[in-house]
Amino acid sequence: MTKKVDTTFRRLYEAYKAFSSKDDDNDRNPNLVMVLVANKVDLEANRRVETENGELYAHENGLLYIETSAKTAQNVNELFYEIAKRLAKPRPTQTPGMKLQNETRERGIRAFCCSG
């Protein structure tokens, strides 16, 4: 999930913080890659959200933080590279299907059991 914040609008940044604080982190999928993207860094003279504020907020909320410019393509490839890199991390494998168990019960009767 990518969340974008315009670096030129302080109110947008504050609104995002208020909105995301309602998000319940306990229900977050551990395989979900969340990124806070600060866009329009090409408009440095109009910046209202400092890099340090974005980085701190991202760190506190377990987000990747990156500053980009759609206009100049600054860090756009890097953004997708970082997402792909995190998605490609090995995860514990789970064998699909059922597990069959062959047990011998009392009296020598064989019982077969499955579990999902």
Protein backbone atom coordinates (compact mmCIF):
# COMPACT_ATOMS: atom_id res chain seq x y z
CA MET A 1 0.00 0.00 0.00
CA THR A 2 1.44 3.34 -1.00
CA LYS A 3 0.36 6.51 0.72
CA LYS A 4 1.33 9.76 -0.95
CA VAL A 5 1.79 13.10 0.78
CA ASP A 6 2.47 16.31 -1.09
CA THR A 7 5.48 18.04 0.50
CA THR A 8 4.10 21.46 -0.45
CA PHE A 9 0.93 21.21 1.63
CA ARG A 10 1.30 21.07 5.40
CA ARG A 11 -2.47 20.61 5.87
CA LEU A 12 -2.41 17.50 3.68
CA TYR A 13 0.38 16.04 5.82
CA GLU A 14 -1.52 16.79 9.03
CA ALA A 15 -4.74 15.35 7.57
CA TYR A 16 -2.90 12.17 6.58
CA LYS A 17 -1.53 11.81 10.10
CA ALA A 18 -5.03 12.19 11.58
CA PHE A 19 -6.51 9.71 9.08
CA SER A 20 -3.81 7.09 9.53
CA SER A 21 -3.99 7.24 13.32
CA LYS A 22 -7.44 5.66 12.97
CA ASP A 23 -5.88 2.71 11.13
CA ASP A 24 -5.71 -0.36 13.41
CA ASP A 25 -2.15 -1.69 13.17
CA ASN A 26 -3.16 -4.93 14.91
CA ASP A 27 -5.10 -5.97 11.82
CA ARG A 28 -2.28 -5.16 9.39
CA ASN A 29 -1.16 -8.02 7.17
CA PRO A 30 2.49 -8.80 8.02
CA ASN A 31 3.21 -9.22 4.29
CA LEU A 32 1.87 -5.75 3.49
CA VAL A 33 4.47 -3.22 2.33
CA MET A 34 3.45 0.27 3.39
CA VAL A 35 5.22 3.31 1.98
CA LEU A 36 4.82 6.97 2.80
CA VAL A 37 5.68 8.81 -0.41
CA ALA A 38 6.42 12.53 -0.23
CA ASN A 39 5.80 13.87 -3.73
CA LYS A 40 6.69 17.13 -5.47
CA VAL A 41 10.21 17.39 -4.06
CA ASP A 42 11.06 19.30 -7.23
CA LEU A 43 9.18 22.24 -5.66
CA GLU A 44 11.72 22.68 -2.86
CA ALA A 45 11.00 26.41 -2.53
CA ASN A 46 7.37 25.58 -1.68
CA ARG A 47 8.16 22.81 0.81
CA ARG A 48 6.03 22.84 3.96
CA VAL A 49 6.81 19.34 5.28
CA GLU A 50 10.44 18.80 6.19
CA THR A 51 12.20 15.53 5.34
CA GLU A 52 12.91 14.90 9.03
CA ASN A 53 9.18 15.10 9.90
CA GLY A 54 8.26 12.59 7.21
CA GLU A 55 11.09 10.22 8.14
CA LEU A 56 10.22 10.38 11.83
CA TYR A 57 6.52 9.75 11.20
CA ALA A 58 7.30 6.84 8.86
CA HIS A 59 9.71 5.30 11.36
CA GLU A 60 7.20 5.60 14.22
CA ASN A 61 4.52 3.89 12.12
CA GLY A 62 6.60 1.15 10.50
CA LEU A 63 6.49 2.70 7.03
CA LEU A 64 9.12 3.01 4.34
CA TYR A 65 9.68 6.71 3.55
CA ILE A 66 10.79 8.07 0.22
CA GLU A 67 10.64 11.50 -1.43
CA THR A 68 9.80 11.65 -5.11
CA SER A 69 8.91 13.93 -7.96
CA ALA A 70 6.51 12.68 -10.59
CA LYS A 71 7.47 15.66 -12.74
CA THR A 72 11.22 14.93 -12.84
CA ALA A 73 10.94 11.18 -12.07
CA GLN A 74 13.26 11.66 -9.09
CA ASN A 75 13.26 8.46 -7.00
CA VAL A 76 10.26 6.98 -8.84
CA ASN A 77 12.18 3.90 -10.00
CA GLU A 78 13.76 3.61 -6.55
CA LEU A 79 10.31 3.64 -4.97
CA PHE A 80 9.14 0.65 -7.00
CA TYR A 81 12.48 -1.09 -6.52
CA GLU A 82 12.19 -0.79 -2.73
CA ILE A 83 8.63 -2.12 -2.78
CA ALA A 84 9.62 -5.06 -4.99
CA LYS A 85 12.64 -5.81 -2.81
CA ARG A 86 10.45 -6.02 0.29
CA LEU A 87 7.80 -8.13 -1.47
CA ALA A 88 10.46 -10.60 -2.60
CA LYS A 89 11.69 -11.36 0.93
CA PRO A 90 11.46 -15.07 1.70
CA ARG A 91 8.54 -16.05 3.85
CA PRO A 92 7.93 -19.31 5.67
CA THR A 93 6.45 -21.75 3.23
CA GLN A 94 3.26 -23.55 4.00
CA THR A 95 2.54 -26.80 2.28
CA PRO A 96 -0.80 -26.46 0.52
CA GLY A 97 -3.44 -29.12 0.95
CA MET A 98 -4.08 -31.60 3.72
CA LYS A 99 -1.69 -33.50 5.91
CA LEU A 100 -2.45 -37.21 6.09
CA GLN A 101 -1.49 -39.15 9.15
CA ASN A 102 -1.39 -42.92 9.31
CA GLU A 103 -1.81 -44.10 12.89
CA THR A 104 -2.30 -47.53 14.38
CA ARG A 105 -4.86 -47.51 17.15
CA GLU A 106 -5.41 -50.01 19.89
CA ARG A 107 -6.32 -53.50 18.63
CA GLY A 108 -4.17 -52.97 15.53
CA ILE A 109 -6.83 -51.06 13.59
CA ARG A 110 -5.33 -48.45 11.30
CA ALA A 111 -6.92 -45.02 11.36
CA PHE A 112 -6.29 -42.31 8.80
CA CYS A 113 -6.75 -38.71 9.72
CA CYS A 114 -6.43 -35.48 7.86
CA SER A 115 -5.85 -31.96 9.06
CA GLY A 116 -5.79 -28.70 7.17
